[in-house]
Amino acid sequence: MHNFEDFLEIIKLYSKAYLKFEKFQNDRKNFFVPERGDQKTGIIGEALIFEYLYRQKQKDLNFGMHSEKGWDIESSKYKYQVKTVSAFSKTKILSPIHKGWNYLYLIQLNVNFLPERVLKIENPSNWNKDIIKGMKFPKEGSKIVSIGGNICPIIDETLILQKTLNIKIT
């Protein structure tokens, strides 16, 4: 059985890792992650997609500002919104999805915070809402998803991303 001292030790370990993550975000020399953001699961997802797009030779990649709601990453041609959940999420509910993107990436991280599912959805552009709240990460095997009242095909890019980024899930 655990006690309060065990809890305090876990907090200490977590704070060390969190601080290291914050320093990494602030010192972006050879690898790009969003420089701001408290939700580390989302930061991990955005950094994975940024590197994935970069390795696919996307041009002029930039992260959006913290206040940008409609997209997280832009290239010279497209805007991408990234929504990430981890294996630790009980509900698998995504943060709100706003208008303004060309492609939406949905990432599910495993317990080691590595991408076990990566789904891509093209924006149907004729939404009936400005924001979608309460959407859950699609179930395994799902081929479609409703975005703003439109049925959209899901493109599973899990294996392509893992291969491109040389990530092995065991």
Protein backbone atom coordinates (compact mmCIF):
# COMPACT_ATOMS: atom_id res chain seq x y z
CA MET A 1 0.00 0.00 0.00
CA HIS A 2 1.22 3.51 -0.81
CA ASN A 3 1.59 6.32 1.65
CA PHE A 4 1.86 10.09 1.49
CA GLU A 5 5.67 9.96 1.29
CA ASP A 6 5.38 7.82 -1.86
CA PHE A 7 3.05 10.44 -3.31
CA LEU A 8 5.53 13.23 -2.53
CA GLU A 9 8.36 11.25 -4.17
CA ILE A 10 6.28 10.84 -7.34
CA ILE A 11 5.57 14.57 -7.39
CA LYS A 12 9.31 15.25 -7.08
CA LEU A 13 10.09 12.94 -10.02
CA TYR A 14 7.26 14.43 -12.09
CA SER A 15 8.42 17.98 -11.38
CA LYS A 16 11.97 17.14 -12.52
CA ALA A 17 10.69 15.70 -15.80
CA TYR A 18 8.27 18.61 -16.24
CA LEU A 19 11.02 21.18 -15.65
CA LYS A 20 13.26 19.38 -18.14
CA PHE A 21 10.40 19.48 -20.67
CA GLU A 22 9.92 23.24 -20.08
CA LYS A 23 13.64 23.90 -20.61
CA PHE A 24 13.56 21.84 -23.79
CA GLN A 25 10.65 23.93 -25.09
CA ASN A 26 12.49 27.16 -24.33
CA ASP A 27 15.80 26.03 -25.87
CA ARG A 28 14.67 25.05 -29.38
CA LYS A 29 17.97 24.80 -31.27
CA ASN A 30 18.02 21.60 -33.29
CA PHE A 31 14.49 20.32 -32.89
CA PHE A 32 11.25 22.27 -32.97
CA VAL A 33 8.49 22.04 -30.41
CA PRO A 34 5.93 24.72 -29.62
CA GLU A 35 7.65 27.19 -27.29
CA ARG A 36 4.58 27.60 -25.11
CA GLY A 37 2.08 25.20 -23.72
CA ASP A 38 1.27 23.62 -20.41
CA GLN A 39 -0.52 20.58 -21.81
CA LYS A 40 2.48 18.37 -22.52
CA THR A 41 0.43 15.67 -24.26
CA GLY A 42 -0.62 18.26 -26.86
CA ILE A 43 2.94 19.57 -27.18
CA ILE A 44 4.17 16.03 -27.87
CA GLY A 45 1.53 15.53 -30.57
CA GLU A 46 2.31 18.86 -32.27
CA ALA A 47 6.05 18.18 -32.21
CA LEU A 48 5.53 14.71 -33.74
CA ILE A 49 3.41 16.11 -36.59
CA PHE A 50 5.80 19.02 -37.18
CA GLU A 51 8.77 16.64 -37.54
CA TYR A 52 6.70 14.25 -39.67
CA LEU A 53 5.71 17.05 -42.07
CA TYR A 54 9.28 18.40 -42.10
CA ARG A 55 10.67 15.00 -43.08
CA GLN A 56 8.06 14.83 -45.85
CA LYS A 57 9.59 18.02 -47.28
CA GLN A 58 6.75 20.37 -46.37
CA LYS A 59 7.89 23.94 -46.99
CA ASP A 60 8.02 26.86 -44.55
CA LEU A 61 6.64 25.09 -41.48
CA ASN A 62 5.69 27.25 -38.50
CA PHE A 63 3.83 26.75 -35.25
CA GLY A 64 0.79 28.93 -34.65
CA MET A 65 0.74 31.41 -31.80
CA HIS A 66 -0.74 30.29 -28.49
CA SER A 67 -3.87 32.36 -29.21
CA GLU A 68 -4.43 30.72 -32.63
CA LYS A 69 -7.43 28.41 -32.26
CA GLY A 70 -7.99 27.21 -35.83
CA TRP A 71 -4.62 25.56 -36.49
CA ASP A 72 -1.38 24.52 -34.76
CA ILE A 73 1.08 24.22 -37.66
CA GLU A 74 1.13 25.93 -41.04
CA SER A 75 3.12 25.28 -44.17
CA SER A 76 3.31 27.28 -47.36
CA LYS A 77 0.23 25.36 -48.58
CA TYR A 78 -1.77 24.04 -45.63
CA LYS A 79 -2.82 24.59 -42.02
CA TYR A 80 -2.88 21.65 -39.63
CA GLN A 81 -4.71 21.23 -36.35
CA VAL A 82 -3.40 18.52 -34.01
CA LYS A 83 -5.42 16.88 -31.24
CA THR A 84 -3.73 14.39 -28.95
CA VAL A 85 -4.90 11.98 -26.26
CA SER A 86 -2.79 9.61 -24.21
CA ALA A 87 -3.36 6.10 -22.95
CA PHE A 88 -3.99 7.73 -19.57
CA SER A 89 -7.14 9.49 -20.79
CA LYS A 90 -10.20 7.66 -19.49
CA THR A 91 -12.69 9.41 -21.79
CA LYS A 92 -10.56 9.91 -24.96
CA ILE A 93 -12.39 13.24 -25.44
CA LEU A 94 -10.46 15.63 -27.67
CA SER A 95 -10.01 19.31 -26.86
CA PRO A 96 -12.32 21.59 -28.91
CA ILE A 97 -11.82 21.59 -32.67
CA HIS A 98 -12.09 25.03 -34.27
CA LYS A 99 -12.50 26.06 -37.91
CA GLY A 100 -9.45 27.21 -39.85
CA TRP A 101 -7.49 24.07 -40.75
CA ASN A 102 -7.01 22.11 -43.97
CA TYR A 103 -6.02 18.88 -42.22
CA LEU A 104 -6.73 17.58 -38.73
CA TYR A 105 -4.35 15.08 -37.16
CA LEU A 106 -5.63 12.96 -34.29
CA ILE A 107 -2.92 11.25 -32.27
CA GLN A 108 -3.27 8.61 -29.60
CA LEU A 109 -0.17 8.14 -27.46
CA ASN A 110 0.61 4.92 -25.61
CA VAL A 111 1.73 4.74 -21.96
CA ASN A 112 5.27 5.69 -23.06
CA PHE A 113 3.86 8.76 -24.86
CA LEU A 114 4.71 7.31 -28.29
CA PRO A 115 2.20 7.50 -31.17
CA GLU A 116 0.22 4.27 -31.37
CA ARG A 117 -2.48 5.73 -33.66
CA VAL A 118 -2.20 8.67 -36.05
CA LEU A 119 -5.29 9.63 -38.04
CA LYS A 120 -5.59 12.35 -40.67
CA ILE A 121 -8.85 14.03 -41.71
CA GLU A 122 -9.34 16.53 -44.52
CA ASN A 123 -11.48 19.55 -43.67
CA PRO A 124 -14.88 19.31 -45.36
CA SER A 125 -15.00 23.17 -45.27
CA ASN A 126 -18.82 23.38 -45.08
CA TRP A 127 -19.26 23.14 -41.33
CA ASN A 128 -22.55 23.89 -39.63
CA LYS A 129 -20.74 24.98 -36.41
CA ASP A 130 -17.70 27.13 -35.60
CA ILE A 131 -16.43 24.76 -32.94
CA ILE A 132 -16.81 21.08 -32.12
CA LYS A 133 -16.72 20.08 -28.46
CA GLY A 134 -16.87 16.68 -26.84
CA MET A 135 -15.63 14.65 -29.83
CA LYS A 136 -13.99 11.37 -28.81
CA PHE A 137 -10.95 9.85 -30.43
CA PRO A 138 -12.31 7.45 -33.09
CA LYS A 139 -12.56 3.81 -32.11
CA GLU A 140 -10.10 1.30 -33.52
CA GLY A 141 -11.11 0.37 -37.08
CA SER A 142 -13.25 3.48 -37.66
CA LYS A 143 -13.19 4.57 -41.30
CA ILE A 144 -15.25 7.78 -40.99
CA VAL A 145 -15.86 10.60 -38.54
CA SER A 146 -18.38 13.43 -38.36
CA ILE A 147 -16.81 16.91 -38.57
CA GLY A 148 -19.16 19.86 -38.34
CA GLY A 149 -22.09 17.81 -39.60
CA ASN A 150 -20.10 16.23 -42.45
CA ILE A 151 -19.03 12.61 -42.75
CA CYS A 152 -15.28 12.56 -43.44
CA PRO A 153 -13.02 9.63 -44.29
CA ILE A 154 -10.26 8.81 -41.82
CA ILE A 155 -6.79 8.25 -43.27
CA ASP A 156 -4.68 6.09 -40.96
CA GLU A 157 -1.08 7.36 -41.15
CA THR A 158 0.16 5.48 -38.08
CA LEU A 159 2.64 3.19 -39.82
CA ILE A 160 3.86 5.89 -42.21
CA LEU A 161 4.55 8.31 -39.33
CA GLN A 162 6.25 5.63 -37.22
CA LYS A 163 8.46 4.62 -40.15
CA THR A 164 9.22 8.23 -41.16
CA LEU A 165 10.20 9.15 -37.60
CA ASN A 166 11.86 5.78 -36.90
CA ILE A 167 9.60 5.10 -33.91
CA LYS A 168 9.21 1.49 -32.85
CA ILE A 169 6.20 0.58 -30.73
CA THR A 170 6.65 -2.67 -28.85
